[in-house]
All heavy atoms as atom14 arrays in JSON, in Angstrom:
{
  "sequence": "VLYGRKPRTKLPHQLLKELDCLYNLGWRRGVFMVDDNFIGNKRNV",
  "atom14_mask": [
    [1, 1, 1, 1, 1, 1, 1, 0, 0, 0, 0, 0, 0, 0],
    [1, 1, 1, 1, 1, 1, 1, 1, 0, 0, 0, 0, 0, 0],
    [1, 1, 1, 1, 1, 1, 1, 1, 1, 1, 1, 1, 0, 0],
    [1, 1, 1, 1, 0, 0, 0, 0, 0, 0, 0, 0, 0, 0],
    [1, 1, 1, 1, 1, 1, 1, 1, 1, 1, 1, 0, 0, 0],
    [1, 1, 1, 1, 1, 1, 1, 1, 1, 0, 0, 0, 0, 0],
    [1, 1, 1, 1, 1, 1, 1, 0, 0, 0, 0, 0, 0, 0],
    [1, 1, 1, 1, 1, 1, 1, 1, 1, 1, 1, 0, 0, 0],
    [1, 1, 1, 1, 1, 1, 1, 0, 0, 0, 0, 0, 0, 0],
    [1, 1, 1, 1, 1, 1, 1, 1, 1, 0, 0, 0, 0, 0],
    [1, 1, 1, 1, 1, 1, 1, 1, 0, 0, 0, 0, 0, 0],
    [1, 1, 1, 1, 1, 1, 1, 0, 0, 0, 0, 0, 0, 0],
    [1, 1, 1, 1, 1, 1, 1, 1, 1, 1, 0, 0, 0, 0],
    [1, 1, 1, 1, 1, 1, 1, 1, 1, 0, 0, 0, 0, 0],
    [1, 1, 1, 1, 1, 1, 1, 1, 0, 0, 0, 0, 0, 0],
    [1, 1, 1, 1, 1, 1, 1, 1, 0, 0, 0, 0, 0, 0],
    [1, 1, 1, 1, 1, 1, 1, 1, 1, 0, 0, 0, 0, 0],
    [1, 1, 1, 1, 1, 1, 1, 1, 1, 0, 0, 0, 0, 0],
    [1, 1, 1, 1, 1, 1, 1, 1, 0, 0, 0, 0, 0, 0],
    [1, 1, 1, 1, 1, 1, 1, 1, 0, 0, 0, 0, 0, 0],
    [1, 1, 1, 1, 1, 1, 0, 0, 0, 0, 0, 0, 0, 0],
    [1, 1, 1, 1, 1, 1, 1, 1, 0, 0, 0, 0, 0, 0],
    [1, 1, 1, 1, 1, 1, 1, 1, 1, 1, 1, 1, 0, 0],
    [1, 1, 1, 1, 1, 1, 1, 1, 0, 0, 0, 0, 0, 0],
    [1, 1, 1, 1, 1, 1, 1, 1, 0, 0, 0, 0, 0, 0],
    [1, 1, 1, 1, 0, 0, 0, 0, 0, 0, 0, 0, 0, 0],
    [1, 1, 1, 1, 1, 1, 1, 1, 1, 1, 1, 1, 1, 1],
    [1, 1, 1, 1, 1, 1, 1, 1, 1, 1, 1, 0, 0, 0],
    [1, 1, 1, 1, 1, 1, 1, 1, 1, 1, 1, 0, 0, 0],
    [1, 1, 1, 1, 0, 0, 0, 0, 0, 0, 0, 0, 0, 0],
    [1, 1, 1, 1, 1, 1, 1, 0, 0, 0, 0, 0, 0, 0],
    [1, 1, 1, 1, 1, 1, 1, 1, 1, 1, 1, 0, 0, 0],
    [1, 1, 1, 1, 1, 1, 1, 1, 0, 0, 0, 0, 0, 0],
    [1, 1, 1, 1, 1, 1, 1, 0, 0, 0, 0, 0, 0, 0],
    [1, 1, 1, 1, 1, 1, 1, 1, 0, 0, 0, 0, 0, 0],
    [1, 1, 1, 1, 1, 1, 1, 1, 0, 0, 0, 0, 0, 0],
    [1, 1, 1, 1, 1, 1, 1, 1, 0, 0, 0, 0, 0, 0],
    [1, 1, 1, 1, 1, 1, 1, 1, 1, 1, 1, 0, 0, 0],
    [1, 1, 1, 1, 1, 1, 1, 1, 0, 0, 0, 0, 0, 0],
    [1, 1, 1, 1, 0, 0, 0, 0, 0, 0, 0, 0, 0, 0],
    [1, 1, 1, 1, 1, 1, 1, 1, 0, 0, 0, 0, 0, 0],
    [1, 1, 1, 1, 1, 1, 1, 1, 1, 0, 0, 0, 0, 0],
    [1, 1, 1, 1, 1, 1, 1, 1, 1, 1, 1, 0, 0, 0],
    [1, 1, 1, 1, 1, 1, 1, 1, 0, 0, 0, 0, 0, 0],
    [1, 1, 1, 1, 1, 1, 1, 0, 0, 0, 0, 0, 0, 0]
  ],
  "atom14_positions": [
    [[104.71, -84.13, 228.52], [103.47, -84.12, 227.74], [102.58, -85.29, 228.18], [101.38, -85.13, 228.4], [103.77, -84.22, 226.23], [102.47, -84.29, 225.43], [104.62, -83.04, 225.78], [0.0, 0.0, 0.0], [0.0, 0.0, 0.0], [0.0, 0.0, 0.0], [0.0, 0.0, 0.0], [0.0, 0.0, 0.0], [0.0, 0.0, 0.0], [0.0, 0.0, 0.0]],
    [[103.17, -86.46, 228.32], [102.4, -87.66, 228.67], [101.98, -87.66, 230.13], [100.86, -88.07, 230.47], [103.24, -88.91, 228.38], [103.49, -89.23, 226.9], [104.59, -90.28, 226.77], [102.22, -89.7, 226.22], [0.0, 0.0, 0.0], [0.0, 0.0, 0.0], [0.0, 0.0, 0.0], [0.0, 0.0, 0.0], [0.0, 0.0, 0.0], [0.0, 0.0, 0.0]],
    [[102.88, -87.22, 231.05], [102.66, -87.42, 232.48], [102.67, -86.14, 233.31], [102.45, -86.21, 234.52], [103.71, -88.39, 233.03], [103.71, -89.71, 232.31], [104.82, -90.13, 231.57], [102.59, -90.53, 232.32], [104.82, -91.34, 230.89], [102.58, -91.74, 231.63], [103.69, -92.13, 230.92], [103.67, -93.32, 230.24], [0.0, 0.0, 0.0], [0.0, 0.0, 0.0]],
    [[102.92, -85.0, 232.67], [102.82, -83.74, 233.38], [104.09, -83.32, 234.1], [105.03, -84.1, 234.26], [0.0, 0.0, 0.0], [0.0, 0.0, 0.0], [0.0, 0.0, 0.0], [0.0, 0.0, 0.0], [0.0, 0.0, 0.0], [0.0, 0.0, 0.0], [0.0, 0.0, 0.0], [0.0, 0.0, 0.0], [0.0, 0.0, 0.0], [0.0, 0.0, 0.0]],
    [[104.09, -82.07, 234.55], [105.27, -81.5, 235.22], [105.16, -81.53, 236.74], [106.06, -81.06, 237.43], [105.5, -80.06, 234.75], [105.99, -79.97, 233.3], [106.37, -78.56, 232.94], [107.4, -78.04, 233.85], [107.65, -76.75, 234.03], [106.92, -75.84, 233.39], [108.59, -76.35, 234.86], [0.0, 0.0, 0.0], [0.0, 0.0, 0.0], [0.0, 0.0, 0.0]],
    [[104.07, -82.07, 237.25], [103.93, -82.21, 238.71], [104.1, -83.69, 239.04], [103.19, -84.5, 238.84], [102.56, -81.72, 239.17], [102.38, -81.79, 240.68], [101.02, -81.27, 241.11], [100.87, -81.36, 242.64], [99.54, -80.88, 243.09], [0.0, 0.0, 0.0], [0.0, 0.0, 0.0], [0.0, 0.0, 0.0], [0.0, 0.0, 0.0], [0.0, 0.0, 0.0]],
    [[105.27, -84.08, 239.57], [105.5, -85.5, 239.84], [104.51, -86.05, 240.88], [104.31, -85.46, 241.94], [106.94, -85.53, 240.39], [107.57, -84.29, 239.85], [106.47, -83.27, 239.82], [0.0, 0.0, 0.0], [0.0, 0.0, 0.0], [0.0, 0.0, 0.0], [0.0, 0.0, 0.0], [0.0, 0.0, 0.0], [0.0, 0.0, 0.0], [0.0, 0.0, 0.0]],
    [[103.88, -87.16, 240.52], [102.95, -87.86, 241.42], [103.6, -89.16, 241.86], [104.23, -89.84, 241.06], [101.64, -88.16, 240.68], [100.88, -86.91, 240.25], [99.93, -87.19, 239.09], [100.64, -87.35, 237.83], [100.41, -88.3, 236.95], [99.51, -89.24, 237.2], [101.09, -88.35, 235.82], [0.0, 0.0, 0.0], [0.0, 0.0, 0.0], [0.0, 0.0, 0.0]],
    [[103.47, -89.49, 243.12], [104.15, -90.68, 243.64], [103.17, -91.64, 244.29], [102.07, -91.27, 244.7], [105.21, -90.29, 244.69], [104.57, -89.84, 245.88], [106.15, -89.21, 244.18], [0.0, 0.0, 0.0], [0.0, 0.0, 0.0], [0.0, 0.0, 0.0], [0.0, 0.0, 0.0], [0.0, 0.0, 0.0], [0.0, 0.0, 0.0], [0.0, 0.0, 0.0]],
    [[103.61, -92.88, 244.37], [102.93, -93.87, 245.18], [103.31, -93.64, 246.65], [104.21, -92.84, 246.96], [103.32, -95.28, 244.75], [102.86, -95.64, 243.34], [103.34, -97.02, 242.92], [102.84, -97.36, 241.51], [103.37, -98.65, 241.02], [0.0, 0.0, 0.0], [0.0, 0.0, 0.0], [0.0, 0.0, 0.0], [0.0, 0.0, 0.0], [0.0, 0.0, 0.0]],
    [[102.66, -94.35, 247.54], [103.01, -94.31, 248.95], [104.13, -95.31, 249.21], [104.2, -96.34, 248.54], [101.79, -94.63, 249.8], [100.59, -93.69, 249.63], [99.39, -94.24, 250.37], [100.94, -92.29, 250.11], [0.0, 0.0, 0.0], [0.0, 0.0, 0.0], [0.0, 0.0, 0.0], [0.0, 0.0, 0.0], [0.0, 0.0, 0.0], [0.0, 0.0, 0.0]],
    [[105.0, -95.05, 250.18], [106.09, -95.99, 250.44], [105.62, -97.43, 250.67], [106.17, -98.37, 250.08], [106.76, -95.41, 251.69], [106.53, -93.94, 251.58], [105.15, -93.82, 250.99], [0.0, 0.0, 0.0], [0.0, 0.0, 0.0], [0.0, 0.0, 0.0], [0.0, 0.0, 0.0], [0.0, 0.0, 0.0], [0.0, 0.0, 0.0], [0.0, 0.0, 0.0]],
    [[104.57, -97.61, 251.5], [104.11, -98.98, 251.77], [103.55, -99.65, 250.52], [103.59, -100.87, 250.37], [103.05, -98.98, 252.88], [101.7, -98.48, 252.46], [100.77, -99.26, 251.82], [101.13, -97.25, 252.6], [99.68, -98.55, 251.57], [99.86, -97.33, 252.04], [0.0, 0.0, 0.0], [0.0, 0.0, 0.0], [0.0, 0.0, 0.0], [0.0, 0.0, 0.0]],
    [[103.06, -98.83, 249.59], [102.52, -99.34, 248.33], [103.64, -99.96, 247.48], [103.5, -101.06, 246.94], [101.87, -98.17, 247.59], [101.05, -98.48, 246.38], [100.47, -97.21, 245.77], [100.67, -96.11, 246.29], [99.75, -97.36, 244.68], [0.0, 0.0, 0.0], [0.0, 0.0, 0.0], [0.0, 0.0, 0.0], [0.0, 0.0, 0.0], [0.0, 0.0, 0.0]],
    [[104.77, -99.24, 247.38], [105.89, -99.78, 246.61], [106.5, -100.99, 247.3], [106.88, -101.97, 246.64], [106.95, -98.72, 246.39], [107.97, -99.19, 245.34], [107.54, -98.78, 243.95], [109.36, -98.7, 245.63], [0.0, 0.0, 0.0], [0.0, 0.0, 0.0], [0.0, 0.0, 0.0], [0.0, 0.0, 0.0], [0.0, 0.0, 0.0], [0.0, 0.0, 0.0]],
    [[106.57, -100.97, 248.62], [107.12, -102.11, 249.34], [106.25, -103.35, 249.14], [106.76, -104.48, 249.12], [107.25, -101.8, 250.83], [108.22, -100.67, 251.2], [108.34, -100.54, 252.71], [109.6, -100.89, 250.58], [0.0, 0.0, 0.0], [0.0, 0.0, 0.0], [0.0, 0.0, 0.0], [0.0, 0.0, 0.0], [0.0, 0.0, 0.0], [0.0, 0.0, 0.0]],
    [[104.96, -103.14, 248.97], [104.06, -104.26, 248.69], [104.4, -104.9, 247.34], [104.33, -106.12, 247.18], [102.61, -103.76, 248.71], [101.57, -104.86, 248.81], [100.18, -104.23, 248.99], [99.1, -105.31, 249.05], [97.74, -104.7, 249.17], [0.0, 0.0, 0.0], [0.0, 0.0, 0.0], [0.0, 0.0, 0.0], [0.0, 0.0, 0.0], [0.0, 0.0, 0.0]],
    [[104.79, -104.07, 246.37], [105.21, -104.6, 245.07], [106.5, -105.41, 245.21], [106.67, -106.47, 244.6], [105.39, -103.45, 244.08], [104.08, -102.7, 243.8], [104.25, -101.56, 242.8], [105.3, -101.52, 242.11], [103.34, -100.72, 242.72], [0.0, 0.0, 0.0], [0.0, 0.0, 0.0], [0.0, 0.0, 0.0], [0.0, 0.0, 0.0], [0.0, 0.0, 0.0]],
    [[107.42, -104.91, 246.04], [108.66, -105.65, 246.27], [108.38, -106.96, 247.02], [109.03, -107.98, 246.75], [109.65, -104.79, 247.05], [110.11, -103.5, 246.35], [111.11, -102.76, 247.23], [110.71, -103.8, 244.98], [0.0, 0.0, 0.0], [0.0, 0.0, 0.0], [0.0, 0.0, 0.0], [0.0, 0.0, 0.0], [0.0, 0.0, 0.0], [0.0, 0.0, 0.0]],
    [[107.42, -106.93, 247.93], [107.02, -108.17, 248.61], [106.54, -109.2, 247.59], [106.87, -110.4, 247.7], [105.88, -107.89, 249.61], [106.37, -107.25, 250.9], [107.53, -107.48, 251.27], [105.58, -106.52, 251.52], [0.0, 0.0, 0.0], [0.0, 0.0, 0.0], [0.0, 0.0, 0.0], [0.0, 0.0, 0.0], [0.0, 0.0, 0.0], [0.0, 0.0, 0.0]],
    [[105.77, -108.73, 246.62], [105.25, -109.64, 245.59], [106.41, -110.27, 244.82], [106.44, -111.49, 244.62], [104.32, -108.87, 244.65], [103.67, -109.86, 243.29], [0.0, 0.0, 0.0], [0.0, 0.0, 0.0], [0.0, 0.0, 0.0], [0.0, 0.0, 0.0], [0.0, 0.0, 0.0], [0.0, 0.0, 0.0], [0.0, 0.0, 0.0], [0.0, 0.0, 0.0]],
    [[107.36, -109.45, 244.39], [108.5, -109.98, 243.65], [109.31, -110.95, 244.52], [109.75, -112.01, 244.05], [109.4, -108.83, 243.18], [108.89, -108.02, 241.98], [109.76, -106.8, 241.74], [108.84, -108.89, 240.73], [0.0, 0.0, 0.0], [0.0, 0.0, 0.0], [0.0, 0.0, 0.0], [0.0, 0.0, 0.0], [0.0, 0.0, 0.0], [0.0, 0.0, 0.0]],
    [[109.5, -110.59, 245.77], [110.26, -111.44, 246.69], [109.58, -112.79, 246.87], [110.22, -113.85, 246.83], [110.41, -110.73, 248.03], [111.27, -111.45, 249.03], [112.65, -111.27, 249.05], [110.72, -112.33, 249.96], [113.45, -111.94, 249.96], [111.51, -113.01, 250.87], [112.88, -112.8, 250.87], [113.66, -113.47, 251.78], [0.0, 0.0, 0.0], [0.0, 0.0, 0.0]],
    [[108.26, -112.76, 247.03], [107.51, -114.0, 247.23], [107.47, -114.87, 245.98], [107.29, -116.09, 246.07], [106.09, -113.69, 247.7], [106.06, -113.09, 249.1], [106.97, -113.32, 249.9], [105.04, -112.3, 249.39], [0.0, 0.0, 0.0], [0.0, 0.0, 0.0], [0.0, 0.0, 0.0], [0.0, 0.0, 0.0], [0.0, 0.0, 0.0], [0.0, 0.0, 0.0]],
    [[107.63, -114.26, 244.81], [107.72, -115.02, 243.56], [109.11, -115.6, 243.35], [109.34, -116.31, 242.37], [107.34, -114.13, 242.37], [105.85, -113.78, 242.22], [105.66, -112.71, 241.16], [105.03, -115.02, 241.89], [0.0, 0.0, 0.0], [0.0, 0.0, 0.0], [0.0, 0.0, 0.0], [0.0, 0.0, 0.0], [0.0, 0.0, 0.0], [0.0, 0.0, 0.0]],
    [[110.05, -115.28, 244.25], [111.39, -115.85, 244.17], [112.41, -114.98, 243.46], [113.54, -115.42, 243.21], [0.0, 0.0, 0.0], [0.0, 0.0, 0.0], [0.0, 0.0, 0.0], [0.0, 0.0, 0.0], [0.0, 0.0, 0.0], [0.0, 0.0, 0.0], [0.0, 0.0, 0.0], [0.0, 0.0, 0.0], [0.0, 0.0, 0.0], [0.0, 0.0, 0.0]],
    [[112.04, -113.74, 243.13], [112.98, -112.88, 242.42], [114.12, -112.46, 243.34], [113.9, -112.04, 244.47], [112.26, -111.63, 241.89], [113.15, -110.82, 240.98], [113.81, -109.67, 241.28], [113.48, -111.14, 239.62], [114.53, -109.24, 240.21], [114.35, -110.11, 239.17], [113.12, -112.16, 238.75], [114.88, -110.11, 237.88], [113.64, -112.16, 237.47], [114.5, -111.13, 237.05]],
    [[115.37, -112.54, 242.85], [116.54, -112.18, 243.65], [117.6, -111.46, 242.81], [118.77, -111.52, 243.13], [117.17, -113.43, 244.31], [116.28, -114.16, 245.29], [115.98, -113.34, 246.54], [115.22, -114.1, 247.52], [113.9, -114.24, 247.51], [113.18, -113.63, 246.57], [113.3, -114.95, 248.42], [0.0, 0.0, 0.0], [0.0, 0.0, 0.0], [0.0, 0.0, 0.0]],
    [[117.17, -110.76, 241.78], [118.15, -110.05, 240.95], [117.83, -108.55, 240.94], [117.21, -108.03, 241.84], [118.16, -110.64, 239.53], [118.68, -112.07, 239.47], [119.15, -112.44, 238.07], [118.08, -112.45, 237.09], [117.3, -113.49, 236.82], [117.44, -114.62, 237.48], [116.37, -113.42, 235.89], [0.0, 0.0, 0.0], [0.0, 0.0, 0.0], [0.0, 0.0, 0.0]],
    [[118.25, -107.89, 239.89], [118.11, -106.45, 239.82], [116.68, -105.99, 239.65], [115.83, -106.7, 239.11], [0.0, 0.0, 0.0], [0.0, 0.0, 0.0], [0.0, 0.0, 0.0], [0.0, 0.0, 0.0], [0.0, 0.0, 0.0], [0.0, 0.0, 0.0], [0.0, 0.0, 0.0], [0.0, 0.0, 0.0], [0.0, 0.0, 0.0], [0.0, 0.0, 0.0]],
    [[116.42, -104.76, 240.11], [115.12, -104.11, 239.95], [115.37, -102.7, 239.43], [116.13, -101.93, 240.04], [114.34, -104.06, 241.27], [113.05, -103.25, 241.09], [114.01, -105.46, 241.77], [0.0, 0.0, 0.0], [0.0, 0.0, 0.0], [0.0, 0.0, 0.0], [0.0, 0.0, 0.0], [0.0, 0.0, 0.0], [0.0, 0.0, 0.0], [0.0, 0.0, 0.0]],
    [[114.76, -102.38, 238.29], [114.9, -101.05, 237.71], [113.72, -100.19, 238.13], [112.57, -100.55, 237.88], [114.98, -101.14, 236.19], [115.16, -99.82, 235.5], [116.16, -98.95, 235.89], [114.34, -99.45, 234.46], [116.35, -97.73, 235.26], [114.51, -98.24, 233.81], [115.51, -97.38, 234.21], [0.0, 0.0, 0.0], [0.0, 0.0, 0.0], [0.0, 0.0, 0.0]],
    [[113.99, -99.07, 238.78], [112.97, -98.1, 239.15], [112.74, -97.25, 237.9], [113.56, -96.37, 237.57], [113.45, -97.26, 240.32], [112.37, -96.59, 241.12], [111.51, -97.67, 242.31], [112.79, -97.98, 243.52], [0.0, 0.0, 0.0], [0.0, 0.0, 0.0], [0.0, 0.0, 0.0], [0.0, 0.0, 0.0], [0.0, 0.0, 0.0], [0.0, 0.0, 0.0]],
    [[111.64, -97.47, 237.18], [111.5, -96.94, 235.83], [111.09, -95.48, 235.76], [110.91, -94.94, 234.67], [110.48, -97.78, 235.01], [110.88, -99.23, 234.95], [109.07, -97.62, 235.59], [0.0, 0.0, 0.0], [0.0, 0.0, 0.0], [0.0, 0.0, 0.0], [0.0, 0.0, 0.0], [0.0, 0.0, 0.0], [0.0, 0.0, 0.0], [0.0, 0.0, 0.0]],
    [[110.96, -94.82, 236.89], [110.59, -93.41, 236.91], [111.49, -92.62, 235.95], [112.71, -92.8, 235.94], [110.76, -92.81, 238.31], [110.04, -93.61, 239.38], [109.96, -94.84, 239.25], [109.58, -93.01, 240.36], [0.0, 0.0, 0.0], [0.0, 0.0, 0.0], [0.0, 0.0, 0.0], [0.0, 0.0, 0.0], [0.0, 0.0, 0.0], [0.0, 0.0, 0.0]],
    [[110.9, -91.71, 235.19], [111.69, -90.92, 234.25], [112.57, -89.91, 234.98], [113.59, -89.48, 234.45], [110.78, -90.23, 233.25], [110.07, -91.25, 232.37], [110.75, -91.88, 231.54], [108.86, -91.45, 232.55], [0.0, 0.0, 0.0], [0.0, 0.0, 0.0], [0.0, 0.0, 0.0], [0.0, 0.0, 0.0], [0.0, 0.0, 0.0], [0.0, 0.0, 0.0]],
    [[112.16, -89.52, 236.17], [113.03, -88.74, 237.07], [112.7, -89.15, 238.49], [111.78, -88.61, 239.1], [112.86, -87.24, 236.87], [113.88, -86.44, 237.67], [114.68, -87.0, 238.43], [113.85, -85.12, 237.53], [0.0, 0.0, 0.0], [0.0, 0.0, 0.0], [0.0, 0.0, 0.0], [0.0, 0.0, 0.0], [0.0, 0.0, 0.0], [0.0, 0.0, 0.0]],
    [[113.44, -90.12, 239.0], [113.16, -90.7, 240.32], [113.13, -89.65, 241.42], [112.4, -89.79, 242.39], [114.24, -91.75, 240.62], [114.1, -92.46, 241.93], [112.95, -93.18, 242.23], [115.12, -92.42, 242.87], [112.82, -93.85, 243.45], [115.0, -93.09, 244.08], [113.85, -93.8, 244.37], [0.0, 0.0, 0.0], [0.0, 0.0, 0.0], [0.0, 0.0, 0.0]],
    [[113.89, -88.56, 241.25], [113.99, -87.55, 242.32], [113.15, -86.31, 242.02], [113.39, -85.25, 242.58], [115.46, -87.17, 242.56], [116.05, -86.46, 241.33], [116.28, -88.4, 242.91], [117.4, -85.78, 241.61], [0.0, 0.0, 0.0], [0.0, 0.0, 0.0], [0.0, 0.0, 0.0], [0.0, 0.0, 0.0], [0.0, 0.0, 0.0], [0.0, 0.0, 0.0]],
    [[112.16, -86.46, 241.13], [111.31, -85.32, 240.8], [110.6, -84.74, 242.01], [110.39, -83.54, 242.11], [0.0, 0.0, 0.0], [0.0, 0.0, 0.0], [0.0, 0.0, 0.0], [0.0, 0.0, 0.0], [0.0, 0.0, 0.0], [0.0, 0.0, 0.0], [0.0, 0.0, 0.0], [0.0, 0.0, 0.0], [0.0, 0.0, 0.0], [0.0, 0.0, 0.0]],
    [[110.21, -85.61, 242.94], [109.62, -85.18, 244.21], [110.56, -85.67, 245.32], [110.44, -86.8, 245.81], [108.22, -85.79, 244.37], [107.5, -85.27, 245.6], [108.09, -85.05, 246.66], [106.18, -85.09, 245.48], [0.0, 0.0, 0.0], [0.0, 0.0, 0.0], [0.0, 0.0, 0.0], [0.0, 0.0, 0.0], [0.0, 0.0, 0.0], [0.0, 0.0, 0.0]],
    [[111.53, -84.84, 245.67], [112.59, -85.28, 246.59], [112.05, -85.61, 247.97], [112.53, -86.54, 248.63], [113.68, -84.21, 246.66], [114.5, -84.09, 245.39], [115.64, -83.1, 245.56], [116.45, -83.0, 244.28], [117.58, -82.04, 244.42], [0.0, 0.0, 0.0], [0.0, 0.0, 0.0], [0.0, 0.0, 0.0], [0.0, 0.0, 0.0], [0.0, 0.0, 0.0]],
    [[111.08, -84.87, 248.42], [110.52, -85.14, 249.75], [109.96, -86.55, 249.82], [110.28, -87.32, 250.73], [109.43, -84.12, 250.07], [108.66, -84.42, 251.36], [107.44, -83.53, 251.51], [106.6, -83.97, 252.62], [105.69, -84.92, 252.55], [105.49, -85.57, 251.38], [104.96, -85.25, 253.6], [0.0, 0.0, 0.0], [0.0, 0.0, 0.0], [0.0, 0.0, 0.0]],
    [[109.12, -86.89, 248.84], [108.48, -88.2, 248.87], [109.47, -89.34, 248.62], [109.32, -90.43, 249.18], [107.35, -88.25, 247.84], [106.12, -87.49, 248.31], [106.16, -86.81, 249.34], [105.04, -87.56, 247.55], [0.0, 0.0, 0.0], [0.0, 0.0, 0.0], [0.0, 0.0, 0.0], [0.0, 0.0, 0.0], [0.0, 0.0, 0.0], [0.0, 0.0, 0.0]],
    [[110.47, -89.09, 247.77], [111.42, -90.17, 247.49], [112.28, -90.45, 248.72], [112.66, -91.59, 248.98], [112.27, -89.86, 246.24], [113.45, -88.97, 246.55], [112.76, -91.16, 245.59], [0.0, 0.0, 0.0], [0.0, 0.0, 0.0], [0.0, 0.0, 0.0], [0.0, 0.0, 0.0], [0.0, 0.0, 0.0], [0.0, 0.0, 0.0], [0.0, 0.0, 0.0]]
  ]
}
């Protein structure tokens, strides 16, 4: 209802840029991929 039945994804380089940000801030622990269904778009994932 909130986000629809057609999974929309970011681009791979876009997500890696977010990880770069966390890495540069000194983060070195767990990261939760909060997608409600991470494999909704298997091709893109």
